[in-house]
Amino acid sequence: MSDNRNSEGEPDAPSGLRIDREETESKGRYDATLDGSGGEMTYSRAGEKTIIIDHTRVDEALRGRGVGQALVRRGVEDARAEGRSIIPLCPYAKAQIERHEAWRDVLKK
């Protein structure tokens, strides 16, 4: 297990982590895979400019390795790039966004 830490003392996403995104007209998901294990973050679209993150899950084998955080980070980055706001109903996603001041700009006001 990697013990690389970022400038905030949190685990960096492990090398080789792959995150794919699928989106339909009304919902979407991010799928993370690494070494045969995975995780996911799902969301619903609430209009053109808002997404609601409703679920984040990471396999036990990947917990504590920065995978969940990488999923939320990717959602934040995509929302920012697409001019969308986020409503984080998932407790994990909400905690991560609140924890990272640089991510808060995408929160729905």
PDB file of N, CA and C in Angstrom:
ATOM      1  N   MET A   1       0.843  -1.171   0.000  1.00  0.00           N
ATOM      2  CA  MET A   1       0.000   0.000   0.000  1.00  0.00           C
ATOM      3  C   MET A   1       0.891   1.239   0.000  1.00  0.00           C
ATOM      4  N   SER A   2       0.559   2.214  -0.852  1.00  0.00           N
ATOM      5  CA  SER A   2       1.299   3.457  -0.949  1.00  0.00           C
ATOM      6  C   SER A   2       1.025   4.325   0.273  1.00  0.00           C
ATOM      7  N   ASP A   3       2.069   4.987   0.762  1.00  0.00           N
ATOM      8  CA  ASP A   3       1.881   5.922   1.859  1.00  0.00           C
ATOM      9  C   ASP A   3       2.258   7.326   1.412  1.00  0.00           C
ATOM     10  N   ASN A   4       2.102   7.618   0.113  1.00  0.00           N
ATOM     11  CA  ASN A   4       2.360   8.955  -0.389  1.00  0.00           C
ATOM     12  C   ASN A   4       1.273   9.885   0.107  1.00  0.00           C
ATOM     13  N   ARG A   5       1.683  11.066   0.573  1.00  0.00           N
ATOM     14  CA  ARG A   5       0.744  12.045   1.119  1.00  0.00           C
ATOM     15  C   ARG A   5       0.852  13.342   0.326  1.00  0.00           C
ATOM     16  N   ASN A   6      -0.270  14.031   0.184  1.00  0.00           N
ATOM     17  CA  ASN A   6      -0.249  15.317  -0.499  1.00  0.00           C
ATOM     18  C   ASN A   6       0.115  16.411   0.496  1.00  0.00           C
ATOM     19  N   SER A   7       0.076  17.666   0.044  1.00  0.00           N
ATOM     20  CA  SER A   7       0.478  18.783   0.898  1.00  0.00           C
ATOM     21  C   SER A   7      -0.444  18.971   2.097  1.00  0.00           C
ATOM     22  N   GLU A   8      -1.638  18.384   2.047  1.00  0.00           N
ATOM     23  CA  GLU A   8      -2.573  18.482   3.166  1.00  0.00           C
ATOM     24  C   GLU A   8      -2.461  17.278   4.098  1.00  0.00           C
ATOM     25  N   GLY A   9      -1.485  16.400   3.863  1.00  0.00           N
ATOM     26  CA  GLY A   9      -1.282  15.238   4.707  1.00  0.00           C
ATOM     27  C   GLY A   9      -2.228  14.091   4.436  1.00  0.00           C
ATOM     28  N   GLU A  10      -2.955  14.164   3.322  1.00  0.00           N
ATOM     29  CA  GLU A  10      -3.919  13.121   2.973  1.00  0.00           C
ATOM     30  C   GLU A  10      -3.304  12.189   1.936  1.00  0.00           C
ATOM     31  N   PRO A  11      -3.795  10.955   1.860  1.00  0.00           N
ATOM     32  CA  PRO A  11      -3.229  10.029   0.880  1.00  0.00           C
ATOM     33  C   PRO A  11      -3.497  10.494  -0.542  1.00  0.00           C
ATOM     34  N   ASP A  12      -2.450  10.462  -1.373  1.00  0.00           N
ATOM     35  CA  ASP A  12      -2.633  10.707  -2.799  1.00  0.00           C
ATOM     36  C   ASP A  12      -3.351   9.515  -3.402  1.00  0.00           C
ATOM     37  N   ALA A  13      -4.051   9.744  -4.499  1.00  0.00           N
ATOM     38  CA  ALA A  13      -4.656   8.620  -5.217  1.00  0.00           C
ATOM     39  C   ALA A  13      -3.528   7.703  -5.677  1.00  0.00           C
ATOM     40  N   PRO A  14      -3.701   6.405  -5.544  1.00  0.00           N
ATOM     41  CA  PRO A  14      -2.637   5.478  -5.923  1.00  0.00           C
ATOM     42  C   PRO A  14      -2.341   5.516  -7.413  1.00  0.00           C
ATOM     43  N   SER A  15      -1.086   5.298  -7.735  1.00  0.00           N
ATOM     44  CA  SER A  15      -0.663   5.220  -9.128  1.00  0.00           C
ATOM     45  C   SER A  15      -1.419   4.091  -9.822  1.00  0.00           C
ATOM     46  N   GLY A  16      -1.877   4.341 -11.016  1.00  0.00           N
ATOM     47  CA  GLY A  16      -2.612   3.327 -11.762  1.00  0.00           C
ATOM     48  C   GLY A  16      -4.111   3.379 -11.569  1.00  0.00           C
ATOM     49  N   LEU A  17      -4.592   4.261 -10.699  1.00  0.00           N
ATOM     50  CA  LEU A  17      -6.034   4.392 -10.492  1.00  0.00           C
ATOM     51  C   LEU A  17      -6.671   4.930 -11.764  1.00  0.00           C
ATOM     52  N   ARG A  18      -7.727   4.271 -12.189  1.00  0.00           N
ATOM     53  CA  ARG A  18      -8.465   4.707 -13.378  1.00  0.00           C
ATOM     54  C   ARG A  18      -9.867   5.127 -12.946  1.00  0.00           C
ATOM     55  N   ILE A  19     -10.288   6.298 -13.406  1.00  0.00           N
ATOM     56  CA  ILE A  19     -11.642   6.781 -13.127  1.00  0.00           C
ATOM     57  C   ILE A  19     -12.328   7.063 -14.453  1.00  0.00           C
ATOM     58  N   ASP A  20     -13.438   6.369 -14.680  1.00  0.00           N
ATOM     59  CA  ASP A  20     -14.245   6.551 -15.886  1.00  0.00           C
ATOM     60  C   ASP A  20     -15.566   7.187 -15.505  1.00  0.00           C
ATOM     61  N   ARG A  21     -16.122   7.936 -16.440  1.00  0.00           N
ATOM     62  CA  ARG A  21     -17.396   8.626 -16.199  1.00  0.00           C
ATOM     63  C   ARG A  21     -18.404   8.228 -17.259  1.00  0.00           C
ATOM     64  N   GLU A  22     -19.629   7.990 -16.801  1.00  0.00           N
ATOM     65  CA  GLU A  22     -20.764   7.739 -17.696  1.00  0.00           C
ATOM     66  C   GLU A  22     -21.860   8.710 -17.296  1.00  0.00           C
ATOM     67  N   GLU A  23     -22.558   9.268 -18.292  1.00  0.00           N
ATOM     68  CA  GLU A  23     -23.642  10.186 -17.970  1.00  0.00           C
ATOM     69  C   GLU A  23     -24.774  10.020 -18.971  1.00  0.00           C
ATOM     70  N   THR A  24     -25.989  10.011 -18.445  1.00  0.00           N
ATOM     71  CA  THR A  24     -27.182  10.016 -19.284  1.00  0.00           C
ATOM     72  C   THR A  24     -27.837  11.387 -19.126  1.00  0.00           C
ATOM     73  N   GLU A  25     -29.008  11.524 -19.672  1.00  0.00           N
ATOM     74  CA  GLU A  25     -29.712  12.797 -19.575  1.00  0.00           C
ATOM     75  C   GLU A  25     -30.066  13.163 -18.138  1.00  0.00           C
ATOM     76  N   SER A  26     -30.288  12.158 -17.278  1.00  0.00           N
ATOM     77  CA  SER A  26     -30.759  12.453 -15.925  1.00  0.00           C
ATOM     78  C   SER A  26     -29.808  12.060 -14.794  1.00  0.00           C
ATOM     79  N   LYS A  27     -28.811  11.220 -15.072  1.00  0.00           N
ATOM     80  CA  LYS A  27     -27.918  10.791 -13.994  1.00  0.00           C
ATOM     81  C   LYS A  27     -26.552  10.425 -14.537  1.00  0.00           C
ATOM     82  N   GLY A  28     -25.629  10.170 -13.605  1.00  0.00           N
ATOM     83  CA  GLY A  28     -24.276   9.821 -14.020  1.00  0.00           C
ATOM     84  C   GLY A  28     -23.557   9.066 -12.927  1.00  0.00           C
ATOM     85  N   ARG A  29     -22.366   8.593 -13.273  1.00  0.00           N
ATOM     86  CA  ARG A  29     -21.563   7.842 -12.316  1.00  0.00           C
ATOM     87  C   ARG A  29     -20.094   7.926 -12.707  1.00  0.00           C
ATOM     88  N   TYR A  30     -19.266   7.823 -11.687  1.00  0.00           N
ATOM     89  CA  TYR A  30     -17.826   7.697 -11.852  1.00  0.00           C
ATOM     90  C   TYR A  30     -17.460   6.323 -11.314  1.00  0.00           C
ATOM     91  N   ASP A  31     -16.691   5.579 -12.080  1.00  0.00           N
ATOM     92  CA  ASP A  31     -16.221   4.260 -11.655  1.00  0.00           C
ATOM     93  C   ASP A  31     -14.706   4.297 -11.540  1.00  0.00           C
ATOM     94  N   ALA A  32     -14.199   3.896 -10.380  1.00  0.00           N
ATOM     95  CA  ALA A  32     -12.764   3.830 -10.137  1.00  0.00           C
ATOM     96  C   ALA A  32     -12.340   2.370 -10.111  1.00  0.00           C
ATOM     97  N   THR A  33     -11.213   2.063 -10.743  1.00  0.00           N
ATOM     98  CA  THR A  33     -10.683   0.698 -10.712  1.00  0.00           C
ATOM     99  C   THR A  33      -9.176   0.727 -10.469  1.00  0.00           C
ATOM    100  N   LEU A  34      -8.725  -0.247  -9.688  1.00  0.00           N
ATOM    101  CA  LEU A  34      -7.313  -0.410  -9.388  1.00  0.00           C
ATOM    102  C   LEU A  34      -7.097  -1.818  -8.866  1.00  0.00           C
ATOM    103  N   ASP A  35      -6.182  -2.539  -9.467  1.00  0.00           N
ATOM    104  CA  ASP A  35      -5.800  -3.872  -8.988  1.00  0.00           C
ATOM    105  C   ASP A  35      -6.989  -4.802  -8.765  1.00  0.00           C
ATOM    106  N   GLY A  36      -7.975  -4.753  -9.643  1.00  0.00           N
ATOM    107  CA  GLY A  36      -9.121  -5.646  -9.549  1.00  0.00           C
ATOM    108  C   GLY A  36     -10.192  -5.227  -8.558  1.00  0.00           C
ATOM    109  N   SER A  37      -9.986  -4.116  -7.868  1.00  0.00           N
ATOM    110  CA  SER A  37     -10.989  -3.595  -6.940  1.00  0.00           C
ATOM    111  C   SER A  37     -11.508  -2.276  -7.485  1.00  0.00           C
ATOM    112  N   GLY A  38     -12.554  -1.769  -6.857  1.00  0.00           N
ATOM    113  CA  GLY A  38     -13.116  -0.547  -7.399  1.00  0.00           C
ATOM    114  C   GLY A  38     -13.888   0.277  -6.407  1.00  0.00           C
ATOM    115  N   GLY A  39     -14.491   1.299  -6.960  1.00  0.00           N
ATOM    116  CA  GLY A  39     -15.339   2.198  -6.202  1.00  0.00           C
ATOM    117  C   GLY A  39     -16.211   2.959  -7.173  1.00  0.00           C
ATOM    118  N   GLU A  40     -17.171   3.687  -6.629  1.00  0.00           N
ATOM    119  CA  GLU A  40     -18.069   4.443  -7.493  1.00  0.00           C
ATOM    120  C   GLU A  40     -18.600   5.661  -6.761  1.00  0.00           C
ATOM    121  N   MET A  41     -19.003   6.643  -7.548  1.00  0.00           N
ATOM    122  CA  MET A  41     -19.725   7.797  -7.037  1.00  0.00           C
ATOM    123  C   MET A  41     -20.840   8.065  -8.036  1.00  0.00           C
ATOM    124  N   THR A  42     -22.071   8.168  -7.543  1.00  0.00           N
ATOM    125  CA  THR A  42     -23.208   8.378  -8.432  1.00  0.00           C
ATOM    126  C   THR A  42     -23.838   9.738  -8.157  1.00  0.00           C
ATOM    127  N   TYR A  43     -24.487  10.249  -9.200  1.00  0.00           N
ATOM    128  CA  TYR A  43     -25.148  11.541  -9.067  1.00  0.00           C
ATOM    129  C   TYR A  43     -26.355  11.615  -9.987  1.00  0.00           C
ATOM    130  N   SER A  44     -27.234  12.557  -9.669  1.00  0.00           N
ATOM    131  CA  SER A  44     -28.397  12.859 -10.503  1.00  0.00           C
ATOM    132  C   SER A  44     -28.247  14.286 -10.998  1.00  0.00           C
ATOM    133  N   ARG A  45     -28.761  14.539 -12.170  1.00  0.00           N
ATOM    134  CA  ARG A  45     -28.760  15.902 -12.692  1.00  0.00           C
ATOM    135  C   ARG A  45     -30.028  16.601 -12.218  1.00  0.00           C
ATOM    136  N   ALA A  46     -29.872  17.812 -11.742  1.00  0.00           N
ATOM    137  CA  ALA A  46     -31.005  18.636 -11.306  1.00  0.00           C
ATOM    138  C   ALA A  46     -30.998  19.889 -12.179  1.00  0.00           C
ATOM    139  N   GLY A  47     -31.449  19.729 -13.401  1.00  0.00           N
ATOM    140  CA  GLY A  47     -31.379  20.820 -14.360  1.00  0.00           C
ATOM    141  C   GLY A  47     -30.059  20.791 -15.107  1.00  0.00           C
ATOM    142  N   GLU A  48     -29.838  21.814 -15.891  1.00  0.00           N
ATOM    143  CA  GLU A  48     -28.633  21.869 -16.727  1.00  0.00           C
ATOM    144  C   GLU A  48     -27.359  22.141 -15.939  1.00  0.00           C
ATOM    145  N   LYS A  49     -27.467  22.869 -14.849  1.00  0.00           N
ATOM    146  CA  LYS A  49     -26.269  23.369 -14.180  1.00  0.00           C
ATOM    147  C   LYS A  49     -26.045  22.848 -12.764  1.00  0.00           C
ATOM    148  N   THR A  50     -26.786  21.821 -12.347  1.00  0.00           N
ATOM    149  CA  THR A  50     -26.627  21.306 -10.983  1.00  0.00           C
ATOM    150  C   THR A  50     -26.616  19.783 -10.991  1.00  0.00           C
ATOM    151  N   ILE A  51     -25.702  19.203 -10.203  1.00  0.00           N
ATOM    152  CA  ILE A  51     -25.720  17.758  -9.978  1.00  0.00           C
ATOM    153  C   ILE A  51     -25.862  17.506  -8.478  1.00  0.00           C
ATOM    154  N   ILE A  52     -26.484  16.385  -8.155  1.00  0.00           N
ATOM    155  CA  ILE A  52     -26.672  15.963  -6.767  1.00  0.00           C
ATOM    156  C   ILE A  52     -25.885  14.670  -6.575  1.00  0.00           C
ATOM    157  N   ILE A  53     -24.797  14.736  -5.818  1.00  0.00           N
ATOM    158  CA  ILE A  53     -24.019  13.528  -5.514  1.00  0.00           C
ATOM    159  C   ILE A  53     -24.761  12.778  -4.418  1.00  0.00           C
ATOM    160  N   ASP A  54     -25.173  11.536  -4.724  1.00  0.00           N
ATOM    161  CA  ASP A  54     -26.008  10.801  -3.774  1.00  0.00           C
ATOM    162  C   ASP A  54     -25.355   9.558  -3.183  1.00  0.00           C
ATOM    163  N   HIS A  55     -24.199   9.147  -3.692  1.00  0.00           N
ATOM    164  CA  HIS A  55     -23.626   7.887  -3.201  1.00  0.00           C
ATOM    165  C   HIS A  55     -22.147   7.813  -3.566  1.00  0.00           C
ATOM    166  N   THR A  56     -21.335   7.381  -2.613  1.00  0.00           N
ATOM    167  CA  THR A  56     -19.925   7.082  -2.862  1.00  0.00           C
ATOM    168  C   THR A  56     -19.614   5.775  -2.150  1.00  0.00           C
ATOM    169  N   ARG A  57     -18.929   4.867  -2.856  1.00  0.00           N
ATOM    170  CA  ARG A  57     -18.575   3.569  -2.277  1.00  0.00           C
ATOM    171  C   ARG A  57     -17.199   3.163  -2.783  1.00  0.00           C
ATOM    172  N   VAL A  58     -16.383   2.607  -1.890  1.00  0.00           N
ATOM    173  CA  VAL A  58     -15.063   2.101  -2.259  1.00  0.00           C
ATOM    174  C   VAL A  58     -14.908   0.709  -1.660  1.00  0.00           C
ATOM    175  N   ASP A  59     -14.431  -0.240  -2.471  1.00  0.00           N
ATOM    176  CA  ASP A  59     -14.185  -1.592  -1.970  1.00  0.00           C
ATOM    177  C   ASP A  59     -13.237  -1.551  -0.769  1.00  0.00           C
ATOM    178  N   GLU A  60     -13.437  -2.473   0.138  1.00  0.00           N
ATOM    179  CA  GLU A  60     -12.627  -2.561   1.359  1.00  0.00           C
ATOM    180  C   GLU A  60     -11.123  -2.557   1.049  1.00  0.00           C
ATOM    181  N   ALA A  61     -10.720  -3.254  -0.001  1.00  0.00           N
ATOM    182  CA  ALA A  61      -9.296  -3.360  -0.343  1.00  0.00           C
ATOM    183  C   ALA A  61      -8.670  -2.011  -0.697  1.00  0.00           C
ATOM    184  N   LEU A  62      -9.479  -1.044  -1.066  1.00  0.00           N
ATOM    185  CA  LEU A  62      -8.951   0.260  -1.480  1.00  0.00           C
ATOM    186  C   LEU A  62      -9.185   1.361  -0.453  1.00  0.00           C
ATOM    187  N   ARG A  63      -9.847   1.056   0.625  1.00  0.00           N
ATOM    188  CA  ARG A  63     -10.141   2.093   1.620  1.00  0.00           C
ATOM    189  C   ARG A  63      -8.858   2.613   2.263  1.00  0.00           C
ATOM    190  N   GLY A  64      -8.854   3.905   2.530  1.00  0.00           N
ATOM    191  CA  GLY A  64      -7.690   4.534   3.142  1.00  0.00           C
ATOM    192  C   GLY A  64      -6.577   4.848   2.169  1.00  0.00           C
ATOM    193  N   ARG A  65      -6.827   4.645   0.877  1.00  0.00           N
ATOM    194  CA  ARG A  65      -5.790   4.865  -0.131  1.00  0.00           C
ATOM    195  C   ARG A  65      -6.071   6.078  -1.016  1.00  0.00           C
ATOM    196  N   GLY A  66      -7.077   6.866  -0.668  1.00  0.00           N
ATOM    197  CA  GLY A  66      -7.356   8.084  -1.417  1.00  0.00           C
ATOM    198  C   GLY A  66      -8.282   7.917  -2.599  1.00  0.00           C
ATOM    199  N   VAL A  67      -8.889   6.732  -2.748  1.00  0.00           N
ATOM    200  CA  VAL A  67      -9.748   6.468  -3.908  1.00  0.00           C
ATOM    201  C   VAL A  67     -11.057   7.245  -3.811  1.00  0.00           C
ATOM    202  N   GLY A  68     -11.697   7.220  -2.656  1.00  0.00           N
ATOM    203  CA  GLY A  68     -12.940   7.974  -2.491  1.00  0.00           C
ATOM    204  C   GLY A  68     -12.716   9.458  -2.707  1.00  0.00           C
ATOM    205  N   GLN A  69     -11.642   9.957  -2.145  1.00  0.00           N
ATOM    206  CA  GLN A  69     -11.314  11.365  -2.315  1.00  0.00           C
ATOM    207  C   GLN A  69     -11.051  11.683  -3.787  1.00  0.00           C
ATOM    208  N   ALA A  70     -10.384  10.782  -4.494  1.00  0.00           N
ATOM    209  CA  ALA A  70     -10.121  10.994  -5.923  1.00  0.00           C
ATOM    210  C   ALA A  70     -11.421  11.042  -6.721  1.00  0.00           C
ATOM    211  N   LEU A  71     -12.396  10.225  -6.344  1.00  0.00           N
ATOM    212  CA  LEU A  71     -13.695  10.259  -7.019  1.00  0.00           C
ATOM    213  C   LEU A  71     -14.374  11.615  -6.822  1.00  0.00           C
ATOM    214  N   VAL A  72     -14.377  12.098  -5.584  1.00  0.00           N
ATOM    215  CA  VAL A  72     -15.009  13.392  -5.311  1.00  0.00           C
ATOM    216  C   VAL A  72     -14.246  14.504  -6.025  1.00  0.00           C
ATOM    217  N   ARG A  73     -12.913  14.451  -5.973  1.00  0.00           N
ATOM    218  CA  ARG A  73     -12.102  15.463  -6.657  1.00  0.00           C
ATOM    219  C   ARG A  73     -12.437  15.516  -8.141  1.00  0.00           C
ATOM    220  N   ARG A  74     -12.555  14.345  -8.768  1.00  0.00           N
ATOM    221  CA  ARG A  74     -12.880  14.306 -10.199  1.00  0.00           C
ATOM    222  C   ARG A  74     -14.253  14.921 -10.459  1.00  0.00           C
ATOM    223  N   GLY A  75     -15.231  14.628  -9.596  1.00  0.00           N
ATOM    224  CA  GLY A  75     -16.551  15.233  -9.749  1.00  0.00           C
ATOM    225  C   GLY A  75     -16.503  16.747  -9.620  1.00  0.00           C
ATOM    226  N   VAL A  76     -15.729  17.233  -8.659  1.00  0.00           N
ATOM    227  CA  VAL A  76     -15.574  18.678  -8.464  1.00  0.00           C
ATOM    228  C   VAL A  76     -14.904  19.305  -9.685  1.00  0.00           C
ATOM    229  N   GLU A  77     -13.832  18.686 -10.164  1.00  0.00           N
ATOM    230  CA  GLU A  77     -13.121  19.222 -11.327  1.00  0.00           C
ATOM    231  C   GLU A  77     -14.017  19.268 -12.555  1.00  0.00           C
ATOM    232  N   ASP A  78     -14.780  18.198 -12.781  1.00  0.00           N
ATOM    233  CA  ASP A  78     -15.677  18.169 -13.939  1.00  0.00           C
ATOM    234  C   ASP A  78     -16.784  19.206 -13.800  1.00  0.00           C
ATOM    235  N   ALA A  79     -17.361  19.322 -12.606  1.00  0.00           N
ATOM    236  CA  ALA A  79     -18.424  20.312 -12.385  1.00  0.00           C
ATOM    237  C   ALA A  79     -17.890  21.720 -12.655  1.00  0.00           C
ATOM    238  N   ARG A  80     -16.722  22.003 -12.146  1.00  0.00           N
ATOM    239  CA  ARG A  80     -16.121  23.323 -12.348  1.00  0.00           C
ATOM    240  C   ARG A  80     -15.892  23.586 -13.839  1.00  0.00           C
ATOM    241  N   ALA A  81     -15.325  22.614 -14.536  1.00  0.00           N
ATOM    242  CA  ALA A  81     -15.035  22.781 -15.963  1.00  0.00           C
ATOM    243  C   ALA A  81     -16.303  22.958 -16.795  1.00  0.00           C
ATOM    244  N   GLU A  82     -17.403  22.376 -16.335  1.00  0.00           N
ATOM    245  CA  GLU A  82     -18.665  22.421 -17.078  1.00  0.00           C
ATOM    246  C   GLU A  82     -19.608  23.510 -16.573  1.00  0.00           C
ATOM    247  N   GLY A  83     -19.167  24.304 -15.607  1.00  0.00           N
ATOM    248  CA  GLY A  83     -19.995  25.381 -15.072  1.00  0.00           C
ATOM    249  C   GLY A  83     -21.185  24.890 -14.267  1.00  0.00           C
ATOM    250  N   ARG A  84     -21.030  23.740 -13.619  1.00  0.00           N
ATOM    251  CA  ARG A  84     -22.111  23.166 -12.813  1.00  0.00           C
ATOM    252  C   ARG A  84     -21.867  23.401 -11.328  1.00  0.00           C
ATOM    253  N   SER A  85     -22.946  23.347 -10.559  1.00  0.00           N
ATOM    254  CA  SER A  85     -22.886  23.380  -9.100  1.00  0.00           C
ATOM    255  C   SER A  85     -23.195  21.982  -8.576  1.00  0.00           C
ATOM    256  N   ILE A  86     -22.755  21.717  -7.344  1.00  0.00           N
ATOM    257  CA  ILE A  86     -22.960  20.412  -6.715  1.00  0.00           C
ATOM    258  C   ILE A  86     -23.773  20.571  -5.434  1.00  0.00           C
ATOM    259  N   ILE A  87     -24.742  19.681  -5.268  1.00  0.00           N
ATOM    260  CA  ILE A  87     -25.433  19.490  -3.993  1.00  0.00           C
ATOM    261  C   ILE A  87     -24.985  18.116  -3.494  1.00  0.00           C
ATOM    262  N   PRO A  88     -24.149  18.051  -2.451  1.00  0.00           N
ATOM    263  CA  PRO A  88     -23.645  16.764  -1.974  1.00  0.00           C
ATOM    264  C   PRO A  88     -24.554  16.151  -0.905  1.00  0.00           C
ATOM    265  N   LEU A  89     -25.464  15.280  -1.306  1.00  0.00           N
ATOM    266  CA  LEU A  89     -26.309  14.577  -0.334  1.00  0.00           C
ATOM    267  C   LEU A  89     -25.574  13.407   0.306  1.00  0.00           C
ATOM    268  N   CYS A  90     -24.621  12.840  -0.391  1.00  0.00           N
ATOM    269  CA  CYS A  90     -23.797  11.757   0.155  1.00  0.00           C
ATOM    270  C   CYS A  90     -22.945  12.333   1.290  1.00  0.00           C
ATOM    271  N   PRO A  91     -23.017  11.751   2.488  1.00  0.00           N
ATOM    272  CA  PRO A  91     -22.246  12.285   3.620  1.00  0.00           C
ATOM    273  C   PRO A  91     -20.739  12.334   3.366  1.00  0.00           C
ATOM    274  N   TYR A  92     -20.198  11.333   2.675  1.00  0.00           N
ATOM    275  CA  TYR A  92     -18.756  11.329   2.409  1.00  0.00           C
ATOM    276  C   TYR A  92     -18.381  12.469   1.471  1.00  0.00           C
ATOM    277  N   ALA A  93     -19.113  12.613   0.368  1.00  0.00           N
ATOM    278  CA  ALA A  93     -18.816  13.683  -0.586  1.00  0.00           C
ATOM    279  C   ALA A  93     -18.964  15.045   0.083  1.00  0.00           C
ATOM    280  N   LYS A  94     -19.994  15.202   0.883  1.00  0.00           N
ATOM    281  CA  LYS A  94     -20.215  16.474   1.581  1.00  0.00           C
ATOM    282  C   LYS A  94     -19.039  16.791   2.495  1.00  0.00           C
ATOM    283  N   ALA A  95     -18.596  15.810   3.264  1.00  0.00           N
ATOM    284  CA  ALA A  95     -17.473  16.020   4.184  1.00  0.00           C
ATOM    285  C   ALA A  95     -16.196  16.367   3.428  1.00  0.00           C
ATOM    286  N   GLN A  96     -15.947  15.706   2.308  1.00  0.00           N
ATOM    287  CA  GLN A  96     -14.740  15.986   1.533  1.00  0.00           C
ATOM    288  C   GLN A  96     -14.762  17.396   0.953  1.00  0.00           C
ATOM    289  N   ILE A  97     -15.898  17.797   0.409  1.00  0.00           N
ATOM    290  CA  ILE A  97     -15.985  19.139  -0.174  1.00  0.00           C
ATOM    291  C   ILE A  97     -15.844  20.200   0.916  1.00  0.00           C
ATOM    292  N   GLU A  98     -16.460  19.981   2.055  1.00  0.00           N
ATOM    293  CA  GLU A  98     -16.332  20.939   3.159  1.00  0.00           C
ATOM    294  C   GLU A  98     -14.903  20.983   3.690  1.00  0.00           C
ATOM    295  N   ARG A  99     -14.213  19.869   3.642  1.00  0.00           N
ATOM    296  CA  ARG A  99     -12.851  19.765   4.150  1.00  0.00           C
ATOM    297  C   ARG A  99     -11.840  20.484   3.261  1.00  0.00           C
ATOM    298  N   HIS A 100     -12.109  20.531   1.971  1.00  0.00           N
ATOM    299  CA  HIS A 100     -11.191  21.126   0.998  1.00  0.00           C
ATOM    300  C   HIS A 100     -11.723  22.490   0.545  1.00  0.00           C
ATOM    301  N   GLU A 101     -11.172  23.516   1.115  1.00  0.00           N
ATOM    302  CA  GLU A 101     -11.643  24.872   0.814  1.00  0.00           C
ATOM    303  C   GLU A 101     -11.622  25.168  -0.683  1.00  0.00           C
ATOM    304  N   ALA A 102     -10.628  24.670  -1.385  1.00  0.00           N
ATOM    305  CA  ALA A 102     -10.502  24.937  -2.822  1.00  0.00           C
ATOM    306  C   ALA A 102     -11.604  24.275  -3.649  1.00  0.00           C
ATOM    307  N   TRP A 103     -12.356  23.368  -3.050  1.00  0.00           N
ATOM    308  CA  TRP A 103     -13.436  22.693  -3.779  1.00  0.00           C
ATOM    309  C   TRP A 103     -14.791  23.360  -3.548  1.00  0.00           C
ATOM    310  N   ARG A 104     -14.889  24.213  -2.566  1.00  0.00           N
ATOM    311  CA  ARG A 104     -16.188  24.751  -2.144  1.00  0.00           C
ATOM    312  C   ARG A 104     -16.850  25.666  -3.161  1.00  0.00           C
ATOM    313  N   ASP A 105     -16.092  26.162  -4.132  1.00  0.00           N
ATOM    314  CA  ASP A 105     -16.674  27.068  -5.122  1.00  0.00           C
ATOM    315  C   ASP A 105     -17.770  26.406  -5.946  1.00  0.00           C
ATOM    316  N   VAL A 106     -17.794  25.081  -5.992  1.00  0.00           N
ATOM    317  CA  VAL A 106     -18.809  24.389  -6.799  1.00  0.00           C
ATOM    318  C   VAL A 106     -20.074  24.052  -6.006  1.00  0.00           C
ATOM    319  N   LEU A 107     -20.083  24.326  -4.707  1.00  0.00           N
ATOM    320  CA  LEU A 107     -21.281  24.045  -3.909  1.00  0.00           C
ATOM    321  C   LEU A 107     -22.435  24.925  -4.362  1.00  0.00           C
ATOM    322  N   LYS A 108     -23.612  24.321  -4.460  1.00  0.00           N
ATOM    323  CA  LYS A 108     -24.822  25.062  -4.826  1.00  0.00           C
ATOM    324  C   LYS A 108     -25.136  26.044  -3.712  1.00  0.00           C
ATOM    325  N   LYS A 109     -25.292  27.288  -4.085  1.00  0.00           N
ATOM    326  CA  LYS A 109     -25.588  28.334  -3.095  1.00  0.00           C
ATOM    327  C   LYS A 109     -27.064  28.556  -2.968  1.00  0.00           C
TER     328      LYS A 109
END
